[in-house]
């Protein structure tokens, strides 16, 4: 990035901050701020330990300095501007989740595919935070990072004092790490209903009918497991419509069940009323022998298949870091030129960062391309090669921030 390009980008970023409807985070005067400037690039130098005492101080700094990247601390401090961390006086921290496309299992190759992948993971995380942990939507701030993913900021006094280890436990739950799924179902005594799959065991008063149930099917991981099992059985039933011999092929190949058992299981999988009982009542009493072996296998298989899938893939070090700096919503990302945007939850499913986060217009802008590069923005595919070209301003800024182009010719 040459000096002319740096001056151009600083001017564009400055214009953005002049027109920005600035929304500051809660208790912003108790937070540390950090910035990366265009000036030393390609060297990346973080200027941190900055403190702001008023709204106007933040606004004037952003307009005057036009930084490439803007961050603030998730932590609250007695003295946020102190030059050393041990002098700041930690008072608490927001709970933060970072989903970055580069860190997801099975991340795709193209930028647009990566963004689709990380959005799907973000939708799953939203489900965990609202349904499993009970955080009200109004206490959760959802933010597109301006780069490759999304941030979730949770403002709640109940979690502000959690230490790093406790926050990592939350990540473990969300990711499904260390969950032993066999403990989600158990055998219980029946009253007045023998059930097609019940068996009997010897109790103090003789033989008592029993059934298998899924623990916690109403919410959390129990609810998810119930859904995965039903999805698995429905998928096998669809296979059976085309080729009955292919149903439950994995159970047969792994010698978990024989033909007679699989025939009964196939009839169960085709019965929507029985499948509904799994979700609505947690009832798992399949009319087959070796039930426990079969259901353990199905649960392990479905969680593995439906769910890398099952848990949400979040960046554990970010959540565990109680002094982390996070991108400031409303700022611009110096590596893309995109706006770091706060989103409502109902906007996320249809949100397209490659269109919706663009901060600049389509004014023709002259640039010098340094190397071949293909990308998609604003619904348009671009493919550029070395040389001089005019591009819409949003595309030109993107290439300059990526180090692919310099301004003017």
Protein backbone atom coordinates (compact mmCIF):
# COMPACT_ATOMS: atom_id res chain seq x y z
CA UNK A 1 0.00 0.00 0.00
CA UNK A 2 1.64 3.23 -1.16
CA UNK A 3 1.30 6.63 0.51
CA UNK A 4 -1.29 7.92 -1.98
CA UNK A 5 -3.49 4.91 -1.25
CA UNK A 6 -3.15 5.42 2.49
CA UNK A 7 -4.21 9.07 2.15
CA UNK A 8 -7.18 8.10 -0.03
CA UNK A 9 -8.37 5.43 2.41
CA UNK A 10 -7.96 7.70 5.42
CA UNK A 11 -10.06 10.35 3.67
CA UNK A 12 -12.80 7.81 2.88
CA UNK A 13 -12.77 6.43 6.42
CA UNK A 14 -12.86 9.97 7.80
CA UNK A 15 -15.93 10.73 5.69
CA UNK A 16 -17.60 7.61 7.07
CA UNK A 17 -16.98 8.66 10.67
CA UNK A 18 -18.23 12.20 10.03
CA UNK A 19 -21.59 10.76 8.90
CA UNK A 20 -21.76 7.88 11.37
CA UNK A 21 -24.65 7.72 13.82
CA UNK A 22 -22.29 6.85 16.64
CA UNK A 23 -23.60 4.23 19.10
CA UNK A 24 -21.25 3.61 22.00
CA UNK A 25 -21.15 0.41 24.09
CA UNK A 26 -22.49 0.42 27.66
CA UNK A 27 -20.15 2.03 30.21
CA UNK A 28 -17.75 3.09 27.43
CA UNK A 29 -15.86 5.35 29.82
CA UNK A 30 -14.81 2.26 31.80
CA UNK A 31 -13.38 0.47 28.77
CA UNK A 32 -9.95 0.42 27.20
CA UNK A 33 -9.80 1.37 23.50
CA UNK A 34 -7.31 0.29 20.86
CA UNK A 35 -6.52 1.37 17.30
CA UNK A 36 -4.50 0.34 14.27
CA UNK A 37 -3.53 3.15 11.90
CA UNK A 38 -3.00 3.12 8.14
CA UNK A 39 0.23 5.11 8.51
CA UNK A 40 2.73 2.35 9.46
CA UNK A 41 1.27 -0.26 7.10
CA UNK A 42 2.30 -2.87 6.01
CA UNK A 43 3.51 -3.01 9.62
CA UNK A 44 0.61 -3.57 12.03
CA UNK A 45 1.01 -1.57 15.23
CA UNK A 46 -1.72 -1.59 17.85
CA UNK A 47 -2.10 1.60 19.87
CA UNK A 48 -4.03 0.66 22.99
CA UNK A 49 -4.65 1.78 26.60
CA UNK A 50 -6.71 4.68 25.24
CA UNK A 51 -9.44 6.13 27.43
CA UNK A 52 -12.41 8.32 26.48
CA UNK A 53 -14.39 10.35 28.98
CA UNK A 54 -17.21 11.54 26.73
CA UNK A 55 -19.15 10.87 23.55
CA UNK A 56 -17.51 13.85 21.83
CA UNK A 57 -14.01 12.57 22.61
CA UNK A 58 -14.74 9.30 20.80
CA UNK A 59 -16.31 11.06 17.81
CA UNK A 60 -13.50 13.59 17.47
CA UNK A 61 -10.83 10.90 17.68
CA UNK A 62 -12.43 8.74 14.98
CA UNK A 63 -12.91 11.69 12.63
CA UNK A 64 -9.49 13.19 13.30
CA UNK A 65 -7.42 9.99 13.19
CA UNK A 66 -9.53 7.88 10.77
CA UNK A 67 -7.99 4.61 12.01
CA UNK A 68 -7.98 1.44 9.93
CA UNK A 69 -9.27 -0.67 12.83
CA UNK A 70 -11.13 0.30 16.02
CA UNK A 71 -11.42 -1.89 19.12
CA UNK A 72 -12.72 -1.61 22.68
CA UNK A 73 -12.30 -3.92 25.66
CA UNK A 74 -14.90 -6.44 26.74
CA UNK A 75 -13.71 -5.63 30.26
CA UNK A 76 -14.64 -2.76 32.55
CA UNK A 77 -11.84 -1.12 34.53
CA UNK A 78 -11.37 1.38 37.33
CA UNK A 79 -8.57 3.01 35.29
CA UNK A 80 -8.97 1.92 31.63
CA UNK A 81 -6.29 4.33 30.44
CA UNK A 82 -3.54 2.94 32.70
CA UNK A 83 -0.49 1.87 30.64
CA UNK A 84 -0.19 -1.57 32.27
CA UNK A 85 -2.87 -4.23 32.61
CA UNK A 86 -2.11 -4.80 36.30
CA UNK A 87 -2.80 -1.11 36.97
CA UNK A 88 -6.25 -0.95 35.36
CA UNK A 89 -8.35 -2.58 38.09
CA UNK A 90 -10.56 -5.20 36.40
CA UNK A 91 -14.24 -4.88 37.43
CA UNK A 92 -15.95 -7.38 35.13
CA UNK A 93 -16.43 -8.22 31.46
CA UNK A 94 -19.09 -8.85 28.86
CA UNK A 95 -19.49 -12.40 27.59
CA UNK A 96 -18.20 -12.51 24.01
CA UNK A 97 -18.43 -15.13 21.27
CA UNK A 98 -16.46 -14.89 18.05
CA UNK A 99 -17.29 -17.00 15.00
CA UNK A 100 -14.62 -16.71 12.34
CA UNK A 101 -14.97 -18.57 9.03
CA UNK A 102 -11.25 -19.36 8.97
CA UNK A 103 -11.53 -21.29 12.24
CA UNK A 104 -14.57 -23.42 11.42
CA UNK A 105 -14.31 -27.15 10.76
CA UNK A 106 -14.63 -27.83 7.04
CA UNK A 107 -14.31 -24.16 6.08
CA UNK A 108 -15.04 -23.63 2.39
CA UNK A 109 -12.63 -22.18 -0.16
CA UNK A 110 -14.45 -19.13 -1.52
CA UNK A 111 -15.07 -16.04 0.60
CA UNK A 112 -18.82 -16.06 -0.08
CA UNK A 113 -19.09 -19.77 0.84
CA UNK A 114 -17.13 -19.14 4.03
CA UNK A 115 -19.53 -16.34 4.97
CA UNK A 116 -22.54 -18.61 4.35
CA UNK A 117 -20.94 -21.28 6.53
CA UNK A 118 -20.22 -18.96 9.43
CA UNK A 119 -23.74 -17.47 9.24
CA UNK A 120 -25.20 -20.96 9.68
CA UNK A 121 -23.00 -21.45 12.75
CA UNK A 122 -24.13 -18.06 14.08
CA UNK A 123 -27.78 -19.05 13.79
CA UNK A 124 -27.02 -22.15 15.84
CA UNK A 125 -25.20 -20.10 18.46
CA UNK A 126 -28.17 -17.74 18.71
CA UNK A 127 -30.37 -20.77 19.42
CA UNK A 128 -28.05 -21.92 22.23
CA UNK A 129 -27.86 -18.47 23.83
CA UNK A 130 -31.61 -17.83 23.78
CA UNK A 131 -33.09 -21.32 24.24
CA UNK A 132 -30.48 -23.05 26.40
CA UNK A 133 -29.09 -20.19 28.48
CA UNK A 134 -32.19 -18.01 28.49
CA UNK A 135 -30.48 -14.74 27.61
CA UNK A 136 -33.09 -12.19 26.44
CA UNK A 137 -32.52 -10.94 22.90
CA UNK A 138 -32.29 -7.39 24.20
CA UNK A 139 -29.19 -8.38 26.21
CA UNK A 140 -27.41 -9.81 23.18
CA UNK A 141 -25.75 -7.65 20.55
CA UNK A 142 -25.12 -9.46 17.26
CA UNK A 143 -22.41 -7.90 15.09
CA UNK A 144 -20.99 -8.66 11.65
CA UNK A 145 -17.23 -8.31 12.17
CA UNK A 146 -16.54 -6.63 8.83
CA UNK A 147 -14.32 -9.54 7.87
CA UNK A 148 -15.05 -13.26 8.08
CA UNK A 149 -17.64 -13.71 10.77
CA UNK A 150 -19.86 -12.53 13.59
CA UNK A 151 -19.51 -11.45 17.21
CA UNK A 152 -22.05 -11.91 19.99
CA UNK A 153 -21.82 -9.46 22.89
CA UNK A 154 -23.83 -10.38 26.00
CA UNK A 155 -24.46 -7.56 28.44
CA UNK A 156 -25.73 -9.12 31.65
CA UNK A 157 -24.67 -8.53 35.26
CA UNK A 158 -25.17 -12.24 35.99
CA UNK A 159 -22.20 -13.20 33.82
CA UNK A 160 -19.91 -10.18 34.15
CA UNK A 161 -17.91 -11.72 37.01
CA UNK A 162 -17.31 -15.13 35.39
CA UNK A 163 -13.63 -16.03 35.20
CA UNK A 164 -11.88 -17.50 32.15
CA UNK A 165 -12.39 -21.13 33.18
CA UNK A 166 -16.12 -20.62 33.71
CA UNK A 167 -16.46 -18.98 30.30
CA UNK A 168 -14.63 -21.90 28.69
CA UNK A 169 -17.17 -24.25 30.29
CA UNK A 170 -19.90 -22.37 28.44
CA UNK A 171 -17.98 -22.89 25.19
CA UNK A 172 -17.65 -26.60 25.97
CA UNK A 173 -21.41 -26.89 26.40
CA UNK A 174 -22.17 -24.98 23.20
CA UNK A 175 -19.68 -27.00 21.17
CA UNK A 176 -20.88 -30.31 22.61
CA UNK A 177 -17.39 -31.08 23.83
CA UNK A 178 -17.12 -33.86 26.45
CA UNK A 179 -20.86 -34.58 26.43
CA UNK A 180 -21.55 -38.29 26.98
CA UNK A 181 -24.74 -38.80 25.03
CA UNK A 182 -25.57 -42.22 26.47
CA UNK A 183 -26.60 -40.49 29.69
CA UNK A 184 -29.43 -38.73 27.87
CA UNK A 185 -31.67 -41.80 27.87
CA UNK A 186 -32.69 -44.18 30.61
CA UNK A 187 -34.97 -47.08 31.45
CA UNK A 188 -37.94 -46.24 33.67
CA UNK A 189 -40.83 -48.15 35.17
CA UNK A 190 -44.17 -47.82 33.37
CA UNK A 191 -47.56 -47.29 34.94
CA UNK A 192 -50.63 -48.56 33.12
CA UNK A 193 -49.00 -48.71 29.67
CA UNK A 194 -46.72 -51.54 28.64
CA UNK A 195 -45.65 -49.95 25.35
CA UNK A 196 -44.61 -51.84 22.27
CA UNK A 197 -40.95 -51.79 23.14
CA UNK A 198 -41.14 -52.29 26.87
CA UNK A 199 -39.52 -55.15 28.65
CA UNK A 200 -39.84 -56.37 32.21
CA UNK A 201 -37.42 -56.52 35.08
CA UNK A 202 -37.77 -58.12 38.49
CA UNK A 203 -38.73 -55.63 41.16
CA UNK A 204 -39.71 -56.05 44.81
CA UNK A 205 -43.31 -56.74 43.79
CA UNK A 206 -42.57 -58.97 40.82
CA UNK A 207 -42.08 -58.14 37.18
CA UNK A 208 -42.56 -54.46 36.36
CA UNK A 209 -42.94 -53.18 32.75
CA UNK A 210 -40.36 -50.61 31.70
CA UNK A 211 -39.76 -48.20 28.83
CA UNK A 212 -36.87 -46.10 27.51
CA UNK A 213 -37.12 -42.33 27.63
CA UNK A 214 -34.94 -39.44 26.53
CA UNK A 215 -33.92 -37.20 29.40
CA UNK A 216 -34.39 -33.45 28.97
CA UNK A 217 -36.15 -33.74 25.59
CA UNK A 218 -37.94 -30.42 26.23
CA UNK A 219 -34.85 -28.24 25.80
CA UNK A 220 -31.07 -28.07 25.47
CA UNK A 221 -29.05 -30.98 24.17
CA UNK A 222 -31.87 -33.43 24.96
CA UNK A 223 -34.15 -31.57 22.58
CA UNK A 224 -31.45 -31.53 19.91
CA UNK A 225 -30.75 -35.24 20.27
CA UNK A 226 -34.47 -36.00 19.93
CA UNK A 227 -34.50 -33.98 16.72
CA UNK A 228 -31.40 -35.71 15.36
CA UNK A 229 -32.81 -39.18 16.05
CA UNK A 230 -36.11 -38.31 14.34
CA UNK A 231 -34.25 -36.82 11.36
CA UNK A 232 -32.16 -39.99 11.07
CA UNK A 233 -35.21 -42.27 11.17
CA UNK A 234 -37.10 -40.13 8.65
CA UNK A 235 -34.10 -40.15 6.32
CA UNK A 236 -33.94 -43.95 6.52
CA UNK A 237 -37.68 -44.16 5.84
CA UNK A 238 -37.20 -42.08 2.68
CA UNK A 239 -34.43 -44.43 1.58
CA UNK A 240 -36.80 -47.34 2.14
CA UNK A 241 -39.36 -45.91 -0.24
CA UNK A 242 -36.85 -46.22 -3.07
CA UNK A 243 -34.94 -49.29 -1.97
CA UNK A 244 -35.98 -51.11 1.22
CA UNK A 245 -32.80 -53.20 1.21
CA UNK A 246 -30.72 -50.06 1.69
CA UNK A 247 -32.51 -49.02 4.90
CA UNK A 248 -30.30 -49.02 8.01
CA UNK A 249 -27.42 -50.30 5.97
CA UNK A 250 -24.98 -48.99 8.54
CA UNK A 251 -26.65 -50.95 11.34
CA UNK A 252 -26.39 -54.13 9.27
CA UNK A 253 -22.81 -53.56 8.15
CA UNK A 254 -21.69 -52.86 11.71
CA UNK A 255 -23.52 -56.02 12.87
CA UNK A 256 -25.59 -54.02 15.33
CA UNK A 257 -28.92 -55.51 14.23
CA UNK A 258 -30.19 -58.42 12.14
CA UNK A 259 -32.87 -58.55 9.46
CA UNK A 260 -35.80 -59.25 11.78
CA UNK A 261 -34.90 -56.35 14.04
CA UNK A 262 -34.36 -53.99 11.11
CA UNK A 263 -37.75 -54.87 9.68
CA UNK A 264 -39.44 -53.78 12.91
CA UNK A 265 -37.29 -50.67 13.09
CA UNK A 266 -38.24 -49.78 9.51
CA UNK A 267 -41.92 -49.93 10.42
CA UNK A 268 -41.25 -47.67 13.41
CA UNK A 269 -39.37 -45.13 11.24
CA UNK A 270 -42.30 -44.91 8.82
CA UNK A 271 -44.81 -44.15 11.58
CA UNK A 272 -45.01 -40.37 12.07
CA UNK A 273 -47.08 -40.75 15.22
CA UNK A 274 -44.29 -42.74 16.88
CA UNK A 275 -41.66 -40.28 15.67
CA UNK A 276 -43.70 -37.42 17.14
CA UNK A 277 -43.62 -39.17 20.52
CA UNK A 278 -39.83 -38.99 20.50
CA UNK A 279 -39.95 -35.20 20.24
CA UNK A 280 -43.11 -34.59 22.26
CA UNK A 281 -42.66 -37.13 25.04
CA UNK A 282 -39.03 -38.23 24.81
CA UNK A 283 -40.27 -41.77 24.26
CA UNK A 284 -37.72 -44.10 22.70
CA UNK A 285 -39.22 -47.55 23.21
CA UNK A 286 -38.46 -49.07 19.82
CA UNK A 287 -40.14 -52.52 19.37
CA UNK A 288 -36.82 -54.32 18.85
CA UNK A 289 -34.27 -56.42 20.69
CA UNK A 290 -30.90 -55.00 21.65
CA UNK A 291 -32.55 -51.59 21.95
CA UNK A 292 -29.81 -50.06 24.07
CA UNK A 293 -27.06 -50.91 21.59
CA UNK A 294 -29.12 -49.57 18.69
CA UNK A 295 -30.13 -46.29 20.33
CA UNK A 296 -26.60 -45.61 21.58
CA UNK A 297 -25.34 -46.09 18.04
CA UNK A 298 -28.05 -43.88 16.53
CA UNK A 299 -27.44 -41.07 19.01
CA UNK A 300 -23.68 -41.10 18.50
CA UNK A 301 -24.08 -41.28 14.73
CA UNK A 302 -26.69 -38.54 14.45
CA UNK A 303 -24.86 -36.13 16.73
CA UNK A 304 -21.70 -36.67 14.67
CA UNK A 305 -23.51 -36.25 11.36
CA UNK A 306 -26.03 -33.52 12.06
CA UNK A 307 -23.97 -31.71 14.22
CA UNK A 308 -20.46 -30.40 13.91
CA UNK A 309 -23.28 -29.41 13.05
CA UNK A 310 -24.77 -30.14 16.48
CA UNK A 311 -22.75 -27.68 18.53
CA UNK A 312 -21.84 -24.20 17.41
CA UNK A 313 -18.18 -23.66 16.51
CA UNK A 314 -16.96 -20.63 18.44
CA UNK A 315 -13.43 -19.38 19.04
CA UNK A 316 -12.74 -20.54 22.60
CA UNK A 317 -9.75 -18.23 23.33
CA UNK A 318 -11.88 -15.16 22.58
CA UNK A 319 -14.67 -16.16 24.96
CA UNK A 320 -12.19 -17.14 27.67
CA UNK A 321 -10.23 -13.88 27.45
CA UNK A 322 -11.73 -11.52 30.04
CA UNK A 323 -9.54 -8.61 28.86
CA UNK A 324 -10.07 -9.02 25.13
CA UNK A 325 -10.33 -6.15 22.67
CA UNK A 326 -13.21 -6.55 20.21
CA UNK A 327 -14.17 -4.59 17.08
CA UNK A 328 -16.29 -1.51 17.60
CA UNK A 329 -19.70 -1.69 15.83
CA UNK A 330 -20.07 1.12 13.32
CA UNK A 331 -16.36 1.23 12.60
CA UNK A 332 -14.78 0.18 9.32
CA UNK A 333 -12.64 -2.92 8.89
CA UNK A 334 -9.27 -1.85 7.48
CA UNK A 335 -8.82 -5.21 5.77
CA UNK A 336 -12.01 -5.01 3.71
CA UNK A 337 -13.51 -1.54 3.93
CA UNK A 338 -16.76 -3.14 5.17
CA UNK A 339 -18.74 -1.70 8.06
CA UNK A 340 -18.79 -3.57 11.36
CA UNK A 341 -22.57 -3.74 11.69
CA UNK A 342 -24.98 -4.44 14.52
CA UNK A 343 -27.82 -6.71 13.37
CA UNK A 344 -31.19 -7.73 14.75
CA UNK A 345 -31.71 -11.47 15.09
CA UNK A 346 -34.51 -11.54 12.54
CA UNK A 347 -32.21 -9.87 10.00
CA UNK A 348 -29.45 -12.49 10.24
CA UNK A 349 -30.99 -15.27 8.06
CA UNK A 350 -31.23 -12.98 5.03
CA UNK A 351 -28.14 -10.89 5.74
CA UNK A 352 -25.56 -10.74 2.93
CA UNK A 353 -22.30 -9.10 4.11
CA UNK A 354 -21.04 -8.79 0.53
CA UNK A 355 -23.88 -6.36 -0.15
CA UNK A 356 -25.30 -5.18 3.16
CA UNK A 357 -22.02 -4.19 4.85
CA UNK A 358 -20.71 -2.04 1.98
CA UNK A 359 -19.93 1.44 3.28
CA UNK A 360 -19.20 3.17 -0.05
CA UNK A 361 -21.10 3.88 -3.26
CA UNK A 362 -20.55 2.96 -6.90
CA UNK A 363 -18.71 6.12 -7.94
CA UNK A 364 -16.10 5.15 -10.63
CA UNK A 365 -12.68 5.02 -8.98
CA UNK A 366 -9.30 4.57 -10.70
CA UNK A 367 -6.97 1.93 -9.30
CA UNK A 368 -3.79 0.09 -10.29
CA UNK A 369 -4.19 -3.66 -9.88
CA UNK A 370 -1.06 -5.34 -8.47
CA UNK A 371 -2.04 -8.97 -9.07
CA UNK A 372 -4.91 -11.02 -10.53
CA UNK A 373 -7.86 -11.30 -8.17
CA UNK A 374 -11.45 -12.54 -8.36
CA UNK A 375 -14.21 -11.56 -5.94
CA UNK A 376 -17.93 -10.93 -5.59
CA UNK A 377 -19.49 -7.78 -4.15
CA UNK A 378 -22.93 -6.25 -4.33
CA UNK A 379 -24.23 -9.21 -6.33
CA UNK A 380 -21.60 -8.77 -9.05
CA UNK A 381 -18.66 -11.01 -9.92
CA UNK A 382 -15.36 -9.23 -10.55
CA UNK A 383 -12.16 -10.60 -12.04
CA UNK A 384 -9.23 -8.21 -12.39
CA UNK A 385 -5.72 -8.56 -13.74
CA UNK A 386 -2.59 -6.41 -13.42
CA UNK A 387 -2.98 -2.93 -14.87
CA UNK A 388 -5.13 0.18 -14.66
CA UNK A 389 -8.91 -0.04 -14.28
CA UNK A 390 -11.95 1.87 -13.07
CA UNK A 391 -14.14 0.13 -10.50
CA UNK A 392 -17.10 1.10 -8.32
CA UNK A 393 -15.76 2.82 -5.23
CA UNK A 394 -16.86 -0.01 -2.89
CA UNK A 395 -14.89 -2.53 -5.00
CA UNK A 396 -11.89 -0.23 -5.31
CA UNK A 397 -11.76 0.33 -1.53
CA UNK A 398 -12.06 -3.41 -0.95
CA UNK A 399 -9.09 -4.17 -3.21
CA UNK A 400 -6.99 -1.40 -1.68
CA UNK A 401 -7.71 -2.68 1.84
CA UNK A 402 -6.81 -6.20 0.70
CA UNK A 403 -3.50 -4.97 -0.70
CA UNK A 404 -4.46 -5.95 -4.24
CA UNK A 405 -4.62 -2.43 -5.68
CA UNK A 406 -3.26 1.09 -5.23
CA UNK A 407 -5.23 4.27 -5.76
CA UNK A 408 -5.15 6.25 -9.03
CA UNK A 409 -3.19 6.16 -12.27
